[in-house]
Amino acid sequence: MVEIYNRAFETKLIQSDIDQLAPVVLARGGYERRRAEGETDGILYTFPSEFFLHPLQDQDALPTLIGVVESGIEMARQGSALYSS
């Protein structure tokens, strides 16, 4: 997923089109959310008392998710600024 996301942005084709940008950012965000929550093989581990202790939870996923969403919002703003000029 990460390689596909990076390759999509390397082409420089989707940054200025919100209709193409949004699905890509949402897909990557969903992937990182599942990693942060500890979902593997279609199983979501949701034991509230053990959520942060689950061994399959990726500790880097939440900061990555926040970064993906923030960069997606910034790219959407830049793209909409191009159309409003």
N, C-alpha and C. Protein backbone atom coordinates (compact mmCIF):
# COMPACT_ATOMS: atom_id res chain seq x y z
N MET A 1 0.82 -1.19 0.00
CA MET A 1 0.00 0.00 0.00
C MET A 1 0.87 1.26 0.00
N VAL A 2 1.91 1.25 0.81
CA VAL A 2 2.76 2.44 0.91
C VAL A 2 3.44 2.72 -0.43
N GLU A 3 3.90 1.68 -1.11
CA GLU A 3 4.57 1.87 -2.39
C GLU A 3 3.62 2.44 -3.43
N ILE A 4 2.39 1.95 -3.45
CA ILE A 4 1.38 2.45 -4.40
C ILE A 4 1.08 3.91 -4.13
N TYR A 5 0.91 4.25 -2.85
CA TYR A 5 0.63 5.63 -2.44
C TYR A 5 1.77 6.55 -2.90
N ASN A 6 2.99 6.15 -2.62
CA ASN A 6 4.14 6.97 -3.01
C ASN A 6 4.27 7.10 -4.52
N ARG A 7 4.03 6.02 -5.24
CA ARG A 7 4.11 6.05 -6.70
C ARG A 7 3.04 6.97 -7.29
N ALA A 8 1.85 6.97 -6.69
CA ALA A 8 0.77 7.84 -7.18
C ALA A 8 1.17 9.31 -7.08
N PHE A 9 1.88 9.68 -6.03
CA PHE A 9 2.28 11.07 -5.86
C PHE A 9 3.54 11.42 -6.65
N GLU A 10 4.35 10.44 -6.96
CA GLU A 10 5.54 10.70 -7.78
C GLU A 10 5.16 11.13 -9.19
N THR A 11 4.00 10.70 -9.67
CA THR A 11 3.58 11.06 -11.02
C THR A 11 3.19 12.53 -11.15
N LYS A 12 2.89 13.18 -10.01
CA LYS A 12 2.49 14.60 -9.97
C LYS A 12 1.18 14.87 -10.71
N LEU A 13 0.36 13.84 -10.91
CA LEU A 13 -0.89 14.01 -11.65
C LEU A 13 -2.10 14.22 -10.75
N ILE A 14 -2.05 13.71 -9.52
CA ILE A 14 -3.26 13.76 -8.70
C ILE A 14 -3.27 14.89 -7.68
N GLN A 15 -2.16 15.56 -7.46
CA GLN A 15 -2.09 16.58 -6.43
C GLN A 15 -3.05 17.74 -6.65
N SER A 16 -3.35 18.08 -7.87
CA SER A 16 -4.19 19.24 -8.14
C SER A 16 -5.65 18.87 -8.42
N ASP A 17 -6.00 17.60 -8.36
CA ASP A 17 -7.37 17.17 -8.63
C ASP A 17 -7.94 16.47 -7.40
N ILE A 18 -8.82 17.14 -6.69
CA ILE A 18 -9.37 16.60 -5.44
C ILE A 18 -10.13 15.30 -5.68
N ASP A 19 -10.74 15.14 -6.85
CA ASP A 19 -11.48 13.91 -7.15
C ASP A 19 -10.55 12.71 -7.26
N GLN A 20 -9.32 12.92 -7.60
CA GLN A 20 -8.33 11.85 -7.65
C GLN A 20 -7.53 11.76 -6.35
N LEU A 21 -7.33 12.89 -5.70
CA LEU A 21 -6.54 12.95 -4.48
C LEU A 21 -7.25 12.28 -3.30
N ALA A 22 -8.51 12.58 -3.12
CA ALA A 22 -9.25 12.11 -1.94
C ALA A 22 -9.26 10.59 -1.80
N PRO A 23 -9.59 9.82 -2.83
CA PRO A 23 -9.61 8.36 -2.65
C PRO A 23 -8.25 7.77 -2.30
N VAL A 24 -7.20 8.34 -2.85
CA VAL A 24 -5.85 7.83 -2.57
C VAL A 24 -5.48 8.10 -1.12
N VAL A 25 -5.75 9.32 -0.65
CA VAL A 25 -5.44 9.67 0.74
C VAL A 25 -6.31 8.85 1.70
N LEU A 26 -7.59 8.68 1.38
CA LEU A 26 -8.48 7.90 2.24
C LEU A 26 -8.06 6.43 2.31
N ALA A 27 -7.62 5.88 1.19
CA ALA A 27 -7.17 4.49 1.19
C ALA A 27 -5.93 4.32 2.07
N ARG A 28 -4.98 5.22 1.94
CA ARG A 28 -3.77 5.14 2.78
C ARG A 28 -4.11 5.38 4.24
N GLY A 29 -5.01 6.34 4.50
CA GLY A 29 -5.42 6.60 5.88
C GLY A 29 -6.11 5.38 6.50
N GLY A 30 -6.96 4.72 5.73
CA GLY A 30 -7.62 3.51 6.21
C GLY A 30 -6.63 2.40 6.52
N TYR A 31 -5.64 2.26 5.68
CA TYR A 31 -4.59 1.27 5.90
C TYR A 31 -3.84 1.55 7.20
N GLU A 32 -3.46 2.80 7.41
CA GLU A 32 -2.74 3.17 8.63
C GLU A 32 -3.63 3.04 9.86
N ARG A 33 -4.93 3.34 9.73
CA ARG A 33 -5.86 3.17 10.85
C ARG A 33 -5.94 1.71 11.27
N ARG A 34 -6.04 0.82 10.28
CA ARG A 34 -6.10 -0.61 10.61
C ARG A 34 -4.82 -1.06 11.28
N ARG A 35 -3.68 -0.55 10.83
CA ARG A 35 -2.41 -0.89 11.49
C ARG A 35 -2.38 -0.37 12.92
N ALA A 36 -2.87 0.84 13.15
CA ALA A 36 -2.87 1.43 14.49
C ALA A 36 -3.79 0.68 15.44
N GLU A 37 -4.88 0.16 14.91
CA GLU A 37 -5.84 -0.56 15.75
C GLU A 37 -5.46 -2.02 15.97
N GLY A 38 -4.46 -2.49 15.24
CA GLY A 38 -4.02 -3.87 15.43
C GLY A 38 -4.76 -4.88 14.61
N GLU A 39 -5.37 -4.47 13.52
CA GLU A 39 -6.10 -5.40 12.67
C GLU A 39 -5.12 -6.18 11.81
N THR A 40 -5.25 -7.49 11.84
CA THR A 40 -4.44 -8.34 10.98
C THR A 40 -5.32 -9.46 10.44
N ASP A 41 -5.10 -9.81 9.22
CA ASP A 41 -5.84 -10.90 8.59
C ASP A 41 -7.35 -10.74 8.73
N GLY A 42 -7.83 -9.51 8.67
CA GLY A 42 -9.26 -9.28 8.74
C GLY A 42 -9.83 -9.34 10.14
N ILE A 43 -8.99 -9.53 11.16
CA ILE A 43 -9.45 -9.61 12.54
C ILE A 43 -9.07 -8.31 13.24
N LEU A 44 -10.05 -7.66 13.82
CA LEU A 44 -9.79 -6.42 14.55
C LEU A 44 -9.82 -6.74 16.04
N TYR A 45 -8.70 -6.49 16.70
CA TYR A 45 -8.59 -6.74 18.13
C TYR A 45 -9.07 -5.51 18.87
N THR A 46 -10.16 -5.64 19.61
CA THR A 46 -10.78 -4.48 20.25
C THR A 46 -11.01 -4.71 21.74
N PHE A 47 -10.03 -5.21 22.42
CA PHE A 47 -10.14 -5.37 23.86
C PHE A 47 -9.73 -4.05 24.49
N PRO A 48 -10.69 -3.25 24.98
CA PRO A 48 -10.37 -1.89 25.45
C PRO A 48 -9.25 -1.84 26.47
N SER A 49 -9.24 -2.76 27.42
CA SER A 49 -8.21 -2.70 28.46
C SER A 49 -6.84 -3.10 27.93
N GLU A 50 -6.80 -3.82 26.83
CA GLU A 50 -5.52 -4.29 26.30
C GLU A 50 -5.17 -3.62 24.97
N PHE A 51 -5.94 -2.60 24.58
CA PHE A 51 -5.75 -2.00 23.25
C PHE A 51 -4.31 -1.56 23.02
N PHE A 52 -3.73 -0.84 23.97
CA PHE A 52 -2.40 -0.32 23.78
C PHE A 52 -1.31 -1.35 24.07
N LEU A 53 -1.69 -2.51 24.56
CA LEU A 53 -0.71 -3.54 24.87
C LEU A 53 -0.68 -4.67 23.85
N HIS A 54 -1.55 -4.60 22.85
CA HIS A 54 -1.64 -5.68 21.87
C HIS A 54 -0.34 -5.82 21.10
N PRO A 55 0.24 -7.01 21.06
CA PRO A 55 1.55 -7.17 20.42
C PRO A 55 1.55 -6.93 18.92
N LEU A 56 0.39 -7.02 18.25
CA LEU A 56 0.35 -6.84 16.81
C LEU A 56 0.11 -5.39 16.40
N GLN A 57 -0.10 -4.54 17.39
CA GLN A 57 -0.36 -3.13 17.08
C GLN A 57 0.93 -2.44 16.65
N ASP A 58 0.87 -1.69 15.58
CA ASP A 58 2.03 -0.98 15.06
C ASP A 58 2.10 0.40 15.71
N GLN A 59 3.12 0.65 16.51
CA GLN A 59 3.23 1.89 17.26
C GLN A 59 3.51 3.11 16.37
N ASP A 60 4.02 2.90 15.16
CA ASP A 60 4.30 4.01 14.25
C ASP A 60 3.11 4.38 13.39
N ALA A 61 2.07 3.56 13.41
CA ALA A 61 0.95 3.77 12.51
C ALA A 61 0.16 5.03 12.82
N LEU A 62 -0.06 5.35 14.08
CA LEU A 62 -0.85 6.53 14.42
C LEU A 62 -0.17 7.82 13.98
N PRO A 63 1.11 8.02 14.27
CA PRO A 63 1.77 9.23 13.76
C PRO A 63 1.77 9.28 12.23
N THR A 64 1.92 8.13 11.60
CA THR A 64 1.89 8.08 10.13
C THR A 64 0.51 8.45 9.63
N LEU A 65 -0.54 7.93 10.27
CA LEU A 65 -1.92 8.26 9.89
C LEU A 65 -2.16 9.76 9.99
N ILE A 66 -1.73 10.36 11.07
CA ILE A 66 -1.91 11.81 11.24
C ILE A 66 -1.17 12.56 10.14
N GLY A 67 0.04 12.14 9.83
CA GLY A 67 0.81 12.79 8.76
C GLY A 67 0.15 12.66 7.40
N VAL A 68 -0.40 11.48 7.11
CA VAL A 68 -1.08 11.25 5.83
C VAL A 68 -2.29 12.17 5.71
N VAL A 69 -3.08 12.25 6.77
CA VAL A 69 -4.29 13.09 6.73
C VAL A 69 -3.90 14.57 6.61
N GLU A 70 -2.93 15.00 7.39
CA GLU A 70 -2.50 16.41 7.32
C GLU A 70 -1.97 16.77 5.94
N SER A 71 -1.15 15.90 5.36
CA SER A 71 -0.61 16.21 4.04
C SER A 71 -1.71 16.17 2.98
N GLY A 72 -2.68 15.26 3.13
CA GLY A 72 -3.80 15.22 2.20
C GLY A 72 -4.64 16.48 2.26
N ILE A 73 -4.87 16.99 3.46
CA ILE A 73 -5.62 18.24 3.61
C ILE A 73 -4.86 19.39 2.98
N GLU A 74 -3.56 19.45 3.20
CA GLU A 74 -2.75 20.52 2.63
C GLU A 74 -2.74 20.46 1.10
N MET A 75 -2.60 19.26 0.54
CA MET A 75 -2.63 19.14 -0.92
C MET A 75 -3.99 19.53 -1.49
N ALA A 76 -5.07 19.18 -0.77
CA ALA A 76 -6.41 19.56 -1.22
C ALA A 76 -6.57 21.08 -1.21
N ARG A 77 -6.04 21.72 -0.18
CA ARG A 77 -6.10 23.19 -0.11
C ARG A 77 -5.31 23.82 -1.25
N GLN A 78 -4.13 23.31 -1.51
CA GLN A 78 -3.31 23.85 -2.60
C GLN A 78 -3.99 23.64 -3.94
N GLY A 79 -4.60 22.46 -4.12
CA GLY A 79 -5.29 22.19 -5.38
C GLY A 79 -6.50 23.07 -5.57
N SER A 80 -7.26 23.31 -4.50
CA SER A 80 -8.43 24.16 -4.63
C SER A 80 -8.03 25.62 -4.84
N ALA A 81 -6.88 26.02 -4.32
CA ALA A 81 -6.40 27.39 -4.55
C ALA A 81 -6.07 27.61 -6.02
N LEU A 82 -5.61 26.57 -6.69
CA LEU A 82 -5.31 26.68 -8.12
C LEU A 82 -6.58 26.95 -8.93
N TYR A 83 -7.69 26.32 -8.51
CA TYR A 83 -8.94 26.46 -9.25
C TYR A 83 -9.68 27.75 -8.91
N SER A 84 -9.42 28.33 -7.74
CA SER A 84 -10.13 29.54 -7.34
C SER A 84 -9.45 30.81 -7.88
N SER A 85 -8.26 30.68 -8.42
CA SER A 85 -7.55 31.86 -8.94
C SER A 85 -8.08 32.27 -10.29
